[in-house]
Amino acid sequence: MSVAANAATGTGRLYGIMAEFDEPADLVRAASAAYAAGYRRMDAYSPFPIEGLADAIGMHRSWIPTIVLICGILGGLTGYLFQVLAMGVWYPINVGGRPYNSIPSFVPVTFELTILFGVLSAVISLIILNRLPEPYHPVFNVERFARATTDRFFLVIEATDPRFNPVETAQFLRTLNAREVCDVPE
């Protein structure tokens, strides 16, 4: 169903409008133009990473490094404090004349728990923040999208964007020299 028919009849749910481009530079220019026009809920697809594309679609800094740092510090503190409590408070045993709170002997466990908490938080935050697993995505409903892994570049403006209007958004994407503009049904 075309954009005009979908807008006129109100039938079917629309995920967004997709524009197809031949060159990566065209995709970056189109994404920059869409962002400048006020569109914020959009995504770009390409067969390889394109420099400047993340900035063009307004992608912001990730929270994952901050989460990993905080969890790594918590892991290190957990390991160290557990050893201090276990060896110095709960079960104090003087072995070889060392003090109960022997920092050098606590380093390996502290280091390992820092790494463990950091890695687990990285994996869990990647899964949660990237909304994985996502076995189905509406862009797979568009037949031409199969070429996104070989030689085509796509820009999708989602219907949830506040500025989105099916007819106006499709016309706007056509002005960006797209090879083809089509609906993305949900």
N, C-alpha and C. Protein backbone atom coordinates (compact mmCIF):
# COMPACT_ATOMS: atom_id res chain seq x y z
N MET A 1 0.86 -1.17 0.00
CA MET A 1 0.00 0.00 0.00
C MET A 1 0.91 1.23 0.00
N SER A 2 0.58 2.22 -0.77
CA SER A 2 1.41 3.41 -0.88
C SER A 2 1.20 4.33 0.32
N VAL A 3 2.07 5.32 0.44
CA VAL A 3 1.97 6.28 1.53
C VAL A 3 0.65 7.01 1.48
N ALA A 4 0.27 7.47 0.28
CA ALA A 4 -0.98 8.23 0.15
C ALA A 4 -2.19 7.37 0.49
N ALA A 5 -2.21 6.11 0.02
CA ALA A 5 -3.34 5.24 0.31
C ALA A 5 -3.42 4.92 1.79
N ASN A 6 -2.27 4.69 2.40
CA ASN A 6 -2.25 4.39 3.82
C ASN A 6 -2.73 5.59 4.63
N ALA A 7 -2.31 6.77 4.25
CA ALA A 7 -2.72 7.97 4.97
C ALA A 7 -4.20 8.26 4.74
N ALA A 8 -4.68 8.01 3.52
CA ALA A 8 -6.07 8.33 3.20
C ALA A 8 -7.05 7.36 3.86
N THR A 9 -6.72 6.07 3.85
CA THR A 9 -7.65 5.09 4.38
C THR A 9 -7.48 4.86 5.86
N GLY A 10 -6.28 5.12 6.37
CA GLY A 10 -6.02 4.89 7.79
C GLY A 10 -5.92 3.42 8.12
N THR A 11 -5.78 2.56 7.11
CA THR A 11 -5.68 1.13 7.36
C THR A 11 -4.22 0.73 7.52
N GLY A 12 -4.00 -0.34 8.26
CA GLY A 12 -2.65 -0.84 8.43
C GLY A 12 -1.84 0.06 9.35
N ARG A 13 -0.88 -0.54 9.98
CA ARG A 13 -0.01 0.24 10.86
C ARG A 13 1.30 0.48 10.14
N LEU A 14 1.79 1.68 10.25
CA LEU A 14 3.00 2.08 9.55
C LEU A 14 4.12 2.25 10.56
N TYR A 15 5.25 1.56 10.33
CA TYR A 15 6.42 1.72 11.19
C TYR A 15 7.16 3.00 10.83
N GLY A 16 7.21 3.29 9.53
CA GLY A 16 7.92 4.48 9.08
C GLY A 16 8.02 4.52 7.57
N ILE A 17 8.88 5.43 7.09
CA ILE A 17 9.14 5.60 5.67
C ILE A 17 10.62 5.32 5.44
N MET A 18 10.92 4.53 4.40
CA MET A 18 12.30 4.14 4.11
C MET A 18 12.74 4.73 2.79
N ALA A 19 13.96 5.28 2.79
CA ALA A 19 14.57 5.79 1.56
C ALA A 19 15.82 4.97 1.27
N GLU A 20 16.00 4.63 0.01
CA GLU A 20 17.14 3.82 -0.42
C GLU A 20 18.12 4.69 -1.19
N PHE A 21 19.42 4.52 -0.91
CA PHE A 21 20.46 5.31 -1.57
C PHE A 21 21.53 4.39 -2.14
N ASP A 22 22.22 4.87 -3.19
CA ASP A 22 23.24 4.08 -3.86
C ASP A 22 24.62 4.22 -3.22
N GLU A 23 24.90 5.39 -2.67
CA GLU A 23 26.24 5.69 -2.16
C GLU A 23 26.19 6.04 -0.67
N PRO A 24 27.25 5.73 0.08
CA PRO A 24 27.28 6.07 1.50
C PRO A 24 27.25 7.58 1.75
N ALA A 25 27.88 8.35 0.88
CA ALA A 25 27.87 9.81 1.05
C ALA A 25 26.45 10.36 0.91
N ASP A 26 25.66 9.76 0.01
CA ASP A 26 24.27 10.19 -0.15
C ASP A 26 23.47 9.92 1.13
N LEU A 27 23.73 8.78 1.75
CA LEU A 27 23.04 8.44 3.00
C LEU A 27 23.40 9.42 4.11
N VAL A 28 24.67 9.77 4.23
CA VAL A 28 25.09 10.72 5.27
C VAL A 28 24.48 12.09 5.03
N ARG A 29 24.48 12.53 3.77
CA ARG A 29 23.86 13.82 3.45
C ARG A 29 22.36 13.81 3.75
N ALA A 30 21.69 12.72 3.41
CA ALA A 30 20.25 12.62 3.66
C ALA A 30 19.96 12.58 5.16
N ALA A 31 20.76 11.85 5.91
CA ALA A 31 20.57 11.78 7.37
C ALA A 31 20.80 13.14 8.01
N SER A 32 21.81 13.86 7.55
CA SER A 32 22.06 15.21 8.07
C SER A 32 20.91 16.15 7.74
N ALA A 33 20.40 16.05 6.52
CA ALA A 33 19.27 16.90 6.11
C ALA A 33 18.02 16.57 6.92
N ALA A 34 17.77 15.30 7.16
CA ALA A 34 16.60 14.90 7.95
C ALA A 34 16.73 15.39 9.39
N TYR A 35 17.93 15.29 9.95
CA TYR A 35 18.13 15.77 11.32
C TYR A 35 17.95 17.29 11.37
N ALA A 36 18.48 17.98 10.36
CA ALA A 36 18.33 19.44 10.31
C ALA A 36 16.87 19.84 10.12
N ALA A 37 16.09 19.00 9.45
CA ALA A 37 14.67 19.29 9.24
C ALA A 37 13.82 19.00 10.48
N GLY A 38 14.43 18.45 11.51
CA GLY A 38 13.72 18.23 12.76
C GLY A 38 13.34 16.80 13.06
N TYR A 39 13.68 15.88 12.20
CA TYR A 39 13.38 14.47 12.46
C TYR A 39 14.39 13.92 13.47
N ARG A 40 13.91 13.23 14.49
CA ARG A 40 14.80 12.69 15.52
C ARG A 40 14.70 11.17 15.65
N ARG A 41 13.56 10.58 15.33
CA ARG A 41 13.37 9.13 15.44
C ARG A 41 13.66 8.52 14.07
N MET A 42 14.93 8.25 13.82
CA MET A 42 15.32 7.67 12.53
C MET A 42 16.49 6.74 12.74
N ASP A 43 16.70 5.88 11.77
CA ASP A 43 17.82 4.95 11.82
C ASP A 43 18.37 4.76 10.42
N ALA A 44 19.65 4.43 10.34
CA ALA A 44 20.31 4.24 9.05
C ALA A 44 20.91 2.84 9.01
N TYR A 45 20.87 2.23 7.84
CA TYR A 45 21.37 0.87 7.65
C TYR A 45 22.32 0.85 6.47
N SER A 46 23.47 0.18 6.66
CA SER A 46 24.44 0.08 5.59
C SER A 46 25.21 -1.24 5.73
N PRO A 47 25.85 -1.69 4.64
CA PRO A 47 26.59 -2.96 4.73
C PRO A 47 27.92 -2.83 5.47
N PHE A 48 28.36 -1.63 5.77
CA PHE A 48 29.61 -1.41 6.50
C PHE A 48 29.52 -0.11 7.28
N PRO A 49 30.39 0.08 8.27
CA PRO A 49 30.35 1.33 9.05
C PRO A 49 30.71 2.53 8.16
N ILE A 50 30.00 3.63 8.39
CA ILE A 50 30.23 4.85 7.62
C ILE A 50 30.61 5.96 8.59
N GLU A 51 31.76 6.56 8.35
CA GLU A 51 32.23 7.63 9.22
C GLU A 51 31.29 8.83 9.13
N GLY A 52 30.88 9.33 10.27
CA GLY A 52 30.03 10.50 10.34
C GLY A 52 28.54 10.20 10.34
N LEU A 53 28.16 8.95 10.10
CA LEU A 53 26.73 8.62 10.04
C LEU A 53 26.08 8.69 11.42
N ALA A 54 26.77 8.24 12.44
CA ALA A 54 26.19 8.29 13.80
C ALA A 54 25.90 9.74 14.20
N ASP A 55 26.81 10.63 13.88
CA ASP A 55 26.58 12.05 14.19
C ASP A 55 25.44 12.62 13.35
N ALA A 56 25.35 12.17 12.12
CA ALA A 56 24.33 12.70 11.21
C ALA A 56 22.92 12.35 11.68
N ILE A 57 22.73 11.16 12.27
CA ILE A 57 21.39 10.79 12.74
C ILE A 57 21.16 11.19 14.19
N GLY A 58 22.13 11.89 14.77
CA GLY A 58 21.95 12.40 16.13
C GLY A 58 22.15 11.37 17.21
N MET A 59 22.96 10.37 16.93
CA MET A 59 23.23 9.34 17.93
C MET A 59 24.12 9.94 19.02
N HIS A 60 23.72 9.71 20.26
CA HIS A 60 24.45 10.30 21.37
C HIS A 60 25.36 9.28 22.03
N ARG A 61 26.16 9.77 22.94
CA ARG A 61 27.10 8.95 23.66
C ARG A 61 26.38 7.83 24.41
N SER A 62 27.04 6.69 24.48
CA SER A 62 26.46 5.53 25.15
C SER A 62 26.72 5.56 26.66
N TRP A 63 25.79 4.97 27.40
CA TRP A 63 25.93 4.86 28.85
C TRP A 63 26.77 3.66 29.25
N ILE A 64 27.10 2.77 28.31
CA ILE A 64 27.76 1.51 28.65
C ILE A 64 29.12 1.72 29.32
N PRO A 65 30.01 2.60 28.85
CA PRO A 65 31.29 2.77 29.56
C PRO A 65 31.11 3.23 31.01
N THR A 66 30.15 4.11 31.26
CA THR A 66 29.90 4.57 32.63
C THR A 66 29.39 3.43 33.50
N ILE A 67 28.49 2.63 32.96
CA ILE A 67 27.95 1.49 33.71
C ILE A 67 29.06 0.49 34.03
N VAL A 68 29.93 0.21 33.06
CA VAL A 68 31.03 -0.74 33.28
C VAL A 68 32.00 -0.21 34.32
N LEU A 69 32.32 1.09 34.26
CA LEU A 69 33.23 1.67 35.26
C LEU A 69 32.65 1.56 36.66
N ILE A 70 31.40 1.94 36.83
CA ILE A 70 30.78 1.89 38.15
C ILE A 70 30.72 0.46 38.67
N CYS A 71 30.32 -0.47 37.83
CA CYS A 71 30.24 -1.88 38.26
C CYS A 71 31.62 -2.46 38.52
N GLY A 72 32.62 -2.06 37.76
CA GLY A 72 33.98 -2.52 38.02
C GLY A 72 34.48 -2.04 39.37
N ILE A 73 34.22 -0.76 39.67
CA ILE A 73 34.61 -0.22 40.99
C ILE A 73 33.87 -0.95 42.10
N LEU A 74 32.58 -1.19 41.91
CA LEU A 74 31.80 -1.94 42.91
C LEU A 74 32.34 -3.36 43.08
N GLY A 75 32.75 -3.99 41.99
CA GLY A 75 33.33 -5.33 42.07
C GLY A 75 34.63 -5.33 42.84
N GLY A 76 35.48 -4.35 42.57
CA GLY A 76 36.75 -4.25 43.31
C GLY A 76 36.53 -4.02 44.79
N LEU A 77 35.62 -3.11 45.11
CA LEU A 77 35.31 -2.84 46.52
C LEU A 77 34.70 -4.07 47.20
N THR A 78 33.83 -4.76 46.48
CA THR A 78 33.22 -5.97 47.04
C THR A 78 34.28 -7.02 47.37
N GLY A 79 35.18 -7.26 46.42
CA GLY A 79 36.24 -8.24 46.65
C GLY A 79 37.14 -7.87 47.80
N TYR A 80 37.54 -6.60 47.84
CA TYR A 80 38.46 -6.17 48.91
C TYR A 80 37.76 -6.20 50.27
N LEU A 81 36.56 -5.64 50.35
CA LEU A 81 35.86 -5.59 51.64
C LEU A 81 35.50 -6.99 52.14
N PHE A 82 35.14 -7.89 51.23
CA PHE A 82 34.84 -9.25 51.66
C PHE A 82 36.08 -9.91 52.27
N GLN A 83 37.24 -9.71 51.67
CA GLN A 83 38.47 -10.29 52.21
C GLN A 83 38.84 -9.67 53.55
N VAL A 84 38.69 -8.35 53.66
CA VAL A 84 38.99 -7.69 54.93
C VAL A 84 38.07 -8.23 56.03
N LEU A 85 36.78 -8.35 55.73
CA LEU A 85 35.85 -8.88 56.73
C LEU A 85 36.14 -10.35 57.07
N ALA A 86 36.40 -11.15 56.04
CA ALA A 86 36.62 -12.58 56.27
C ALA A 86 37.93 -12.84 57.01
N MET A 87 39.01 -12.20 56.57
CA MET A 87 40.33 -12.49 57.15
C MET A 87 40.67 -11.64 58.36
N GLY A 88 40.06 -10.46 58.46
CA GLY A 88 40.43 -9.58 59.56
C GLY A 88 39.41 -9.47 60.66
N VAL A 89 38.14 -9.78 60.38
CA VAL A 89 37.09 -9.58 61.39
C VAL A 89 36.45 -10.91 61.78
N TRP A 90 35.92 -11.64 60.80
CA TRP A 90 35.15 -12.84 61.11
C TRP A 90 36.04 -14.02 61.50
N TYR A 91 37.13 -14.27 60.75
CA TYR A 91 38.01 -15.41 61.02
C TYR A 91 39.47 -14.97 61.02
N PRO A 92 39.87 -14.18 61.99
CA PRO A 92 41.27 -13.70 62.00
C PRO A 92 42.24 -14.83 62.35
N ILE A 93 43.07 -15.19 61.42
CA ILE A 93 44.11 -16.19 61.64
C ILE A 93 45.43 -15.57 61.21
N ASN A 94 46.37 -15.54 62.11
CA ASN A 94 47.67 -14.94 61.81
C ASN A 94 48.55 -16.02 61.18
N VAL A 95 48.80 -15.90 59.88
CA VAL A 95 49.61 -16.86 59.16
C VAL A 95 50.91 -16.19 58.77
N GLY A 96 52.01 -16.70 59.26
CA GLY A 96 53.32 -16.20 58.89
C GLY A 96 53.61 -14.81 59.40
N GLY A 97 52.92 -14.36 60.41
CA GLY A 97 53.18 -13.05 61.01
C GLY A 97 52.67 -11.87 60.19
N ARG A 98 51.86 -12.13 59.21
CA ARG A 98 51.34 -11.01 58.41
C ARG A 98 50.18 -10.36 59.15
N PRO A 99 49.89 -9.10 58.82
CA PRO A 99 48.74 -8.44 59.46
C PRO A 99 47.43 -9.02 58.92
N TYR A 100 46.36 -8.80 59.68
CA TYR A 100 45.06 -9.32 59.26
C TYR A 100 44.58 -8.65 57.97
N ASN A 101 44.90 -7.39 57.79
CA ASN A 101 44.52 -6.66 56.58
C ASN A 101 45.75 -6.53 55.70
N SER A 102 46.07 -7.58 54.97
CA SER A 102 47.26 -7.61 54.13
C SER A 102 46.89 -7.26 52.69
N ILE A 103 47.12 -6.00 52.33
CA ILE A 103 46.70 -5.51 51.01
C ILE A 103 47.34 -6.30 49.86
N PRO A 104 48.63 -6.59 49.86
CA PRO A 104 49.18 -7.33 48.71
C PRO A 104 48.54 -8.71 48.49
N SER A 105 48.16 -9.38 49.56
CA SER A 105 47.55 -10.71 49.36
C SER A 105 46.10 -10.60 48.89
N PHE A 106 45.50 -9.43 49.02
CA PHE A 106 44.11 -9.24 48.59
C PHE A 106 44.00 -8.76 47.15
N VAL A 107 45.10 -8.42 46.51
CA VAL A 107 45.07 -7.87 45.15
C VAL A 107 44.49 -8.84 44.12
N PRO A 108 44.89 -10.12 44.07
CA PRO A 108 44.35 -10.99 43.01
C PRO A 108 42.83 -11.11 43.02
N VAL A 109 42.23 -11.34 44.18
CA VAL A 109 40.78 -11.50 44.24
C VAL A 109 40.10 -10.17 43.91
N THR A 110 40.65 -9.06 44.41
CA THR A 110 40.08 -7.75 44.13
C THR A 110 40.11 -7.47 42.62
N PHE A 111 41.24 -7.76 42.00
CA PHE A 111 41.37 -7.57 40.55
C PHE A 111 40.38 -8.44 39.78
N GLU A 112 40.30 -9.70 40.15
CA GLU A 112 39.40 -10.62 39.43
C GLU A 112 37.94 -10.22 39.57
N LEU A 113 37.51 -9.78 40.74
CA LEU A 113 36.12 -9.35 40.90
C LEU A 113 35.85 -8.04 40.18
N THR A 114 36.86 -7.18 40.07
CA THR A 114 36.70 -5.95 39.28
C THR A 114 36.41 -6.31 37.83
N ILE A 115 37.21 -7.22 37.28
CA ILE A 115 37.03 -7.65 35.90
C ILE A 115 35.69 -8.37 35.73
N LEU A 116 35.35 -9.27 36.66
CA LEU A 116 34.10 -10.03 36.55
C LEU A 116 32.88 -9.10 36.55
N PHE A 117 32.82 -8.18 37.51
CA PHE A 117 31.67 -7.26 37.58
C PHE A 117 31.62 -6.37 36.34
N GLY A 118 32.78 -5.91 35.87
CA GLY A 118 32.83 -5.06 34.68
C GLY A 118 32.34 -5.78 33.44
N VAL A 119 32.81 -7.00 33.23
CA VAL A 119 32.42 -7.77 32.05
C VAL A 119 30.94 -8.14 32.09
N LEU A 120 30.47 -8.61 33.24
CA LEU A 120 29.06 -8.96 33.34
C LEU A 120 28.16 -7.74 33.12
N SER A 121 28.55 -6.60 33.67
CA SER A 121 27.74 -5.39 33.47
C SER A 121 27.78 -4.95 32.01
N ALA A 122 28.91 -5.13 31.33
CA ALA A 122 28.99 -4.78 29.90
C ALA A 122 28.05 -5.64 29.07
N VAL A 123 28.06 -6.95 29.32
CA VAL A 123 27.21 -7.86 28.56
C VAL A 123 25.74 -7.58 28.84
N ILE A 124 25.39 -7.45 30.11
CA ILE A 124 23.99 -7.22 30.47
C ILE A 124 23.50 -5.87 29.96
N SER A 125 24.31 -4.81 30.09
CA SER A 125 23.88 -3.50 29.62
C SER A 125 23.79 -3.46 28.09
N LEU A 126 24.67 -4.17 27.38
CA LEU A 126 24.55 -4.25 25.92
C LEU A 126 23.24 -4.90 25.52
N ILE A 127 22.89 -5.96 26.19
CA ILE A 127 21.65 -6.66 25.87
C ILE A 127 20.44 -5.78 26.16
N ILE A 128 20.43 -5.14 27.32
CA ILE A 128 19.28 -4.32 27.72
C ILE A 128 19.18 -3.05 26.89
N LEU A 129 20.27 -2.29 26.77
CA LEU A 129 20.23 -1.01 26.07
C LEU A 129 20.03 -1.16 24.56
N ASN A 130 20.44 -2.28 23.99
CA ASN A 130 20.22 -2.52 22.56
C ASN A 130 18.93 -3.27 22.30
N ARG A 131 18.15 -3.49 23.35
CA ARG A 131 16.85 -4.17 23.28
C ARG A 131 16.97 -5.51 22.54
N LEU A 132 17.96 -6.29 22.98
CA LEU A 132 18.17 -7.60 22.38
C LEU A 132 17.56 -8.67 23.25
N PRO A 133 17.20 -9.81 22.76
CA PRO A 133 17.22 -10.17 21.34
C PRO A 133 16.02 -9.57 20.62
N GLU A 134 16.23 -9.24 19.37
CA GLU A 134 15.16 -8.70 18.54
C GLU A 134 15.12 -9.52 17.25
N PRO A 135 14.45 -10.67 17.30
CA PRO A 135 14.45 -11.54 16.12
C PRO A 135 13.65 -10.99 14.94
N TYR A 136 12.79 -10.01 15.20
CA TYR A 136 11.97 -9.44 14.13
C TYR A 136 12.05 -7.92 14.20
N HIS A 137 12.18 -7.30 13.04
CA HIS A 137 12.15 -5.85 12.95
C HIS A 137 11.31 -5.49 11.72
N PRO A 138 10.49 -4.46 11.81
CA PRO A 138 9.62 -4.11 10.68
C PRO A 138 10.34 -3.83 9.37
N VAL A 139 11.60 -3.41 9.39
CA VAL A 139 12.28 -3.13 8.11
C VAL A 139 12.43 -4.38 7.26
N PHE A 140 12.36 -5.56 7.89
CA PHE A 140 12.46 -6.80 7.12
C PHE A 140 11.22 -7.04 6.26
N ASN A 141 10.15 -6.27 6.48
CA ASN A 141 8.95 -6.39 5.66
C ASN A 141 9.14 -5.79 4.27
N VAL A 142 10.15 -4.95 4.10
CA VAL A 142 10.42 -4.32 2.81
C VAL A 142 11.36 -5.23 2.02
N GLU A 143 10.92 -5.67 0.86
CA GLU A 143 11.68 -6.64 0.07
C GLU A 143 13.06 -6.11 -0.32
N ARG A 144 13.15 -4.85 -0.67
CA ARG A 144 14.42 -4.28 -1.12
C ARG A 144 15.46 -4.18 0.00
N PHE A 145 15.01 -4.27 1.24
CA PHE A 145 15.93 -4.15 2.37
C PHE A 145 16.95 -5.29 2.42
N ALA A 146 16.70 -6.37 1.72
CA ALA A 146 17.65 -7.48 1.67
C ALA A 146 19.00 -7.02 1.12
N ARG A 147 19.02 -5.96 0.35
CA ARG A 147 20.27 -5.45 -0.23
C ARG A 147 21.07 -4.60 0.75
N ALA A 148 20.56 -4.40 1.96
CA ALA A 148 21.27 -3.61 2.96
C ALA A 148 22.57 -4.28 3.40
N THR A 149 22.68 -5.58 3.18
CA THR A 149 23.91 -6.28 3.56
C THR A 149 24.90 -6.39 2.42
N THR A 150 24.54 -5.90 1.24
CA THR A 150 25.45 -6.01 0.10
C THR A 150 25.88 -4.66 -0.46
N ASP A 151 24.93 -3.90 -1.02
CA ASP A 151 25.35 -2.70 -1.74
C ASP A 151 24.39 -1.52 -1.66
N ARG A 152 23.45 -1.51 -0.75
CA ARG A 152 22.51 -0.40 -0.65
C ARG A 152 22.54 0.21 0.74
N PHE A 153 22.09 1.45 0.81
CA PHE A 153 22.11 2.22 2.05
C PHE A 153 20.70 2.75 2.29
N PHE A 154 20.20 2.59 3.52
CA PHE A 154 18.82 2.92 3.81
C PHE A 154 18.72 3.88 4.99
N LEU A 155 17.76 4.79 4.88
CA LEU A 155 17.41 5.69 5.97
C LEU A 155 15.92 5.50 6.25
N VAL A 156 15.59 5.24 7.52
CA VAL A 156 14.20 5.03 7.92
C VAL A 156 13.83 6.10 8.93
N ILE A 157 12.77 6.84 8.62
CA ILE A 157 12.21 7.79 9.58
C ILE A 157 10.97 7.12 10.18
N GLU A 158 10.98 6.97 11.50
CA GLU A 158 9.92 6.21 12.16
C GLU A 158 8.65 7.03 12.31
N ALA A 159 7.53 6.33 12.33
CA ALA A 159 6.22 6.98 12.47
C ALA A 159 6.02 7.57 13.86
N THR A 160 6.84 7.16 14.82
CA THR A 160 6.73 7.70 16.18
C THR A 160 7.39 9.06 16.33
N ASP A 161 8.05 9.52 15.28
CA ASP A 161 8.68 10.85 15.32
C ASP A 161 7.59 11.92 15.41
N PRO A 162 7.78 12.90 16.28
CA PRO A 162 6.74 13.95 16.42
C PRO A 162 6.48 14.73 15.13
N ARG A 163 7.49 14.85 14.29
CA ARG A 163 7.35 15.62 13.04
C ARG A 163 6.82 14.77 11.89
N PHE A 164 6.63 13.48 12.12
CA PHE A 164 6.26 12.54 11.06
C PHE A 164 4.85 12.78 10.54
N ASN A 165 4.76 12.86 9.21
CA ASN A 165 3.50 12.88 8.48
C ASN A 165 3.76 11.99 7.26
N PRO A 166 2.98 10.94 7.04
CA PRO A 166 3.32 9.99 5.98
C PRO A 166 3.56 10.64 4.61
N VAL A 167 2.71 11.54 4.21
CA VAL A 167 2.84 12.14 2.88
C VAL A 167 4.01 13.12 2.84
N GLU A 168 4.09 14.01 3.81
CA GLU A 168 5.15 15.02 3.83
C GLU A 168 6.53 14.39 4.02
N THR A 169 6.63 13.39 4.86
CA THR A 169 7.92 12.73 5.09
C THR A 169 8.37 12.02 3.82
N ALA A 170 7.47 11.35 3.12
CA ALA A 170 7.83 10.68 1.86
C ALA A 170 8.28 11.71 0.82
N GLN A 171 7.58 12.83 0.73
CA GLN A 171 7.99 13.88 -0.22
C GLN A 171 9.36 14.44 0.17
N PHE A 172 9.58 14.65 1.45
CA PHE A 172 10.86 15.16 1.91
C PHE A 172 12.00 14.20 1.53
N LEU A 173 11.79 12.89 1.75
CA LEU A 173 12.83 11.91 1.41
C LEU A 173 13.08 11.85 -0.10
N ARG A 174 12.06 12.07 -0.90
CA ARG A 174 12.25 12.09 -2.36
C ARG A 174 13.13 13.27 -2.78
N THR A 175 13.04 14.38 -2.06
CA THR A 175 13.87 15.55 -2.40
C THR A 175 15.34 15.32 -2.09
N LEU A 176 15.67 14.26 -1.37
CA LEU A 176 17.05 13.97 -1.00
C LEU A 176 17.75 13.05 -1.99
N ASN A 177 17.18 12.92 -3.19
CA ASN A 177 17.74 12.09 -4.27
C ASN A 177 17.81 10.61 -3.90
N ALA A 178 16.78 10.14 -3.26
CA ALA A 178 16.72 8.72 -2.93
C ALA A 178 16.39 7.91 -4.17
N ARG A 179 16.95 6.74 -4.27
CA ARG A 179 16.65 5.84 -5.38
C ARG A 179 15.19 5.41 -5.34
N GLU A 180 14.73 5.10 -4.13
CA GLU A 180 13.33 4.70 -3.94
C GLU A 180 12.90 5.05 -2.54
N VAL A 181 11.65 5.44 -2.40
CA VAL A 181 11.04 5.74 -1.10
C VAL A 181 9.83 4.85 -0.95
N CYS A 182 9.72 4.17 0.18
CA CYS A 182 8.59 3.27 0.36
C CYS A 182 8.17 3.20 1.82
N ASP A 183 6.95 2.69 2.03
CA ASP A 183 6.41 2.48 3.39
C ASP A 183 7.11 1.31 4.05
N VAL A 184 7.19 1.38 5.37
CA VAL A 184 7.64 0.23 6.16
C VAL A 184 6.47 -0.17 7.04
N PRO A 185 5.75 -1.24 6.65
CA PRO A 185 4.61 -1.66 7.47
C PRO A 185 5.09 -2.33 8.75
N GLU A 186 4.26 -2.26 9.78
CA GLU A 186 4.63 -2.88 11.05
C GLU A 186 4.42 -4.35 11.04
